[in-house]
C-alpha cells in the first residue's frame, strides 16, 4: 500500500502543470465631459449616462484549451460614489473556440465579476463601456480607472 501511494505521488509530481491562458487587451476609452454633454444647454444637467463606441476595446484569449471564464474589476483612482462603470461584450470575435453571455451591461466594482465565458482560443472579442449616474453635482476633476481582466 505504501509503495502504491508513493508511486502515485511521484506520478503527480511529474505531471506538467497546465499553462496559463494568454490575454491581450487592446484599446481604451477616454471621455471629456463638458458643456456639450449637457441635456439642453446652459443651466441643465448632464446626460445621466454615456457609452463608448462598440468595440472600443478588444480582447484576445490564446494559449488555452477547454472552458474558461473572463472576469473583470475596476482598479485604482478615486471614483465618485454615484458614478457606475459598466461593460458588455459586443462581438464574439473569431477563432477555434466559442463565447457565451456578456451581451448585457455588467457593473464593474473593485471585486472580480464574470463578464462572459468561452472555450478555446478567441481573438478580437469586442467590448463596450458605459458610465451612469453622471450629474452636474459631481465635482469637476479627472477621474481615472483601470480595468483588470483575468481568464480563469
Protein backbone atom coordinates (compact mmCIF):
# COMPACT_ATOMS: atom_id res chain seq x y z
CA UNK A 1 0.00 0.00 0.00
CA UNK A 2 2.83 2.39 0.87
CA UNK A 3 4.56 1.77 -2.47
CA UNK A 4 1.37 2.40 -4.46
CA UNK A 5 0.78 5.70 -2.65
CA UNK A 6 4.42 6.76 -3.14
CA UNK A 7 4.25 5.93 -6.86
CA UNK A 8 1.05 7.93 -7.24
CA UNK A 9 2.75 10.95 -5.64
CA UNK A 10 5.74 10.55 -7.94
CA UNK A 11 3.47 10.48 -11.00
CA UNK A 12 1.63 13.60 -9.81
CA UNK A 13 4.92 15.39 -9.28
CA UNK A 14 6.00 14.57 -12.85
CA UNK A 15 2.76 15.71 -14.46
CA UNK A 16 3.30 19.04 -16.23
CA UNK A 17 1.34 21.99 -14.93
CA UNK A 18 -1.16 23.32 -17.43
CA UNK A 19 -0.02 26.69 -18.80
CA UNK A 20 -1.99 29.82 -18.03
CA UNK A 21 -4.05 31.42 -20.78
CA UNK A 22 -2.68 34.50 -22.50
CA UNK A 23 -4.94 37.57 -22.53
CA UNK A 24 -4.28 40.69 -24.60
CA UNK A 25 -6.44 43.80 -24.21
CA UNK A 26 -6.23 46.50 -26.90
CA UNK A 27 -7.85 49.92 -26.80
CA UNK A 28 -9.20 52.28 -24.19
CA UNK A 29 -11.96 54.84 -23.68
CA UNK A 30 -11.47 58.47 -22.74
CA UNK A 31 -14.47 60.73 -22.32
CA UNK A 32 -14.33 64.50 -21.85
CA UNK A 33 -17.39 65.74 -20.03
CA UNK A 34 -18.03 69.39 -20.81
CA UNK A 35 -20.87 71.71 -21.92
CA UNK A 36 -21.51 69.57 -24.99
CA UNK A 37 -22.73 66.80 -22.66
CA UNK A 38 -25.46 68.98 -21.11
CA UNK A 39 -29.01 67.77 -21.75
CA UNK A 40 -30.31 71.09 -23.08
CA UNK A 41 -27.60 73.71 -22.79
CA UNK A 42 -26.54 76.08 -20.02
CA UNK A 43 -28.32 75.56 -16.71
CA UNK A 44 -29.34 71.97 -17.48
CA UNK A 45 -27.99 68.74 -16.07
CA UNK A 46 -25.51 66.38 -17.70
CA UNK A 47 -26.63 63.41 -19.72
CA UNK A 48 -27.02 60.79 -16.99
CA UNK A 49 -25.16 58.15 -18.98
CA UNK A 50 -22.52 57.95 -21.69
CA UNK A 51 -21.47 54.98 -23.81
CA UNK A 52 -18.28 54.26 -25.66
CA UNK A 53 -18.36 53.04 -29.21
CA UNK A 54 -18.93 49.30 -29.57
CA UNK A 55 -15.55 47.59 -29.91
CA UNK A 56 -13.55 50.37 -28.25
CA UNK A 57 -11.57 47.59 -26.55
CA UNK A 58 -10.86 44.13 -27.95
CA UNK A 59 -9.65 41.05 -26.14
CA UNK A 60 -7.63 38.13 -27.47
CA UNK A 61 -7.56 34.93 -25.41
CA UNK A 62 -4.96 32.40 -26.53
CA UNK A 63 -2.83 29.52 -25.26
CA UNK A 64 -5.93 27.95 -23.76
CA UNK A 65 -7.67 24.64 -24.24
CA UNK A 66 -11.13 23.97 -22.88
CA UNK A 67 -13.56 26.12 -20.93
CA UNK A 68 -12.67 29.46 -19.34
CA UNK A 69 -14.37 32.45 -17.75
CA UNK A 70 -13.44 36.11 -18.30
CA UNK A 71 -13.67 38.26 -15.17
CA UNK A 72 -13.03 41.97 -14.71
CA UNK A 73 -12.78 44.57 -11.96
CA UNK A 74 -12.15 48.29 -11.68
CA UNK A 75 -8.82 49.25 -10.17
CA UNK A 76 -7.19 52.43 -8.92
CA UNK A 77 -8.15 56.03 -8.81
CA UNK A 78 -10.79 57.88 -6.86
CA UNK A 79 -14.28 57.50 -8.24
CA UNK A 80 -17.49 59.40 -7.42
CA UNK A 81 -19.82 57.09 -5.48
CA UNK A 82 -22.80 57.92 -7.73
CA UNK A 83 -20.99 57.03 -10.96
CA UNK A 84 -21.05 53.46 -12.20
CA UNK A 85 -18.83 51.88 -14.86
CA UNK A 86 -20.33 49.03 -16.87
CA UNK A 87 -19.03 46.75 -19.64
CA UNK A 88 -20.55 44.34 -22.15
CA UNK A 89 -19.40 42.14 -25.00
CA UNK A 90 -20.47 43.39 -28.44
CA UNK A 91 -18.98 40.66 -30.64
CA UNK A 92 -17.85 37.06 -30.30
CA UNK A 93 -14.64 37.71 -32.19
CA UNK A 94 -13.18 34.80 -34.12
CA UNK A 95 -11.19 31.65 -33.52
CA UNK A 96 -11.47 27.95 -32.84
CA UNK A 97 -13.47 28.37 -29.65
CA UNK A 98 -16.75 29.96 -28.70
CA UNK A 99 -18.08 32.60 -26.31
CA UNK A 100 -21.34 32.83 -24.38
CA UNK A 101 -23.01 35.53 -22.30
CA UNK A 102 -21.84 39.05 -21.71
CA UNK A 103 -24.30 40.70 -24.08
CA UNK A 104 -25.86 42.79 -21.28
CA UNK A 105 -24.01 45.52 -19.37
CA UNK A 106 -22.38 44.35 -16.11
CA UNK A 107 -21.28 46.74 -13.36
CA UNK A 108 -17.56 46.81 -12.60
CA UNK A 109 -16.55 47.29 -8.98
CA UNK A 110 -13.37 46.60 -7.03
CA UNK A 111 -14.21 42.87 -6.99
CA UNK A 112 -13.98 40.42 -9.87
CA UNK A 113 -17.25 39.89 -11.74
CA UNK A 114 -17.92 37.46 -14.59
CA UNK A 115 -18.28 39.19 -17.96
CA UNK A 116 -18.61 36.16 -20.25
CA UNK A 117 -17.36 32.61 -20.67
CA UNK A 118 -15.95 30.62 -23.54
CA UNK A 119 -13.80 27.79 -24.70
CA UNK A 120 -10.53 27.50 -26.57
CA UNK A 121 -8.85 30.45 -28.33
CA UNK A 122 -10.73 33.62 -29.38
CA UNK A 123 -9.43 36.84 -30.88
CA UNK A 124 -10.88 40.33 -31.31
CA UNK A 125 -13.75 39.91 -28.86
CA UNK A 126 -15.19 43.44 -28.79
CA UNK A 127 -16.26 45.30 -25.65
CA UNK A 128 -18.27 48.45 -24.97
CA UNK A 129 -18.31 50.59 -21.82
CA UNK A 130 -20.97 52.78 -20.21
CA UNK A 131 -20.92 55.38 -17.43
CA UNK A 132 -24.12 56.02 -15.45
CA UNK A 133 -25.02 58.37 -12.60
CA UNK A 134 -23.46 61.47 -14.12
CA UNK A 135 -24.72 64.87 -12.97
CA UNK A 136 -23.55 68.48 -12.58
CA UNK A 137 -23.42 67.78 -8.83
CA UNK A 138 -20.22 65.76 -9.28
CA UNK A 139 -17.10 67.80 -8.60
CA UNK A 140 -15.13 68.61 -11.76
CA UNK A 141 -11.91 66.59 -11.79
CA UNK A 142 -10.00 64.00 -13.76
CA UNK A 143 -11.36 60.60 -12.83
CA UNK A 144 -9.34 57.59 -13.92
CA UNK A 145 -9.83 53.88 -13.57
CA UNK A 146 -8.07 50.84 -14.92
CA UNK A 147 -9.86 47.61 -15.68
CA UNK A 148 -8.17 44.36 -14.75
CA UNK A 149 -9.25 41.40 -16.89
CA UNK A 150 -8.49 37.82 -15.86
CA UNK A 151 -9.14 34.45 -17.50
CA UNK A 152 -9.86 31.53 -15.19
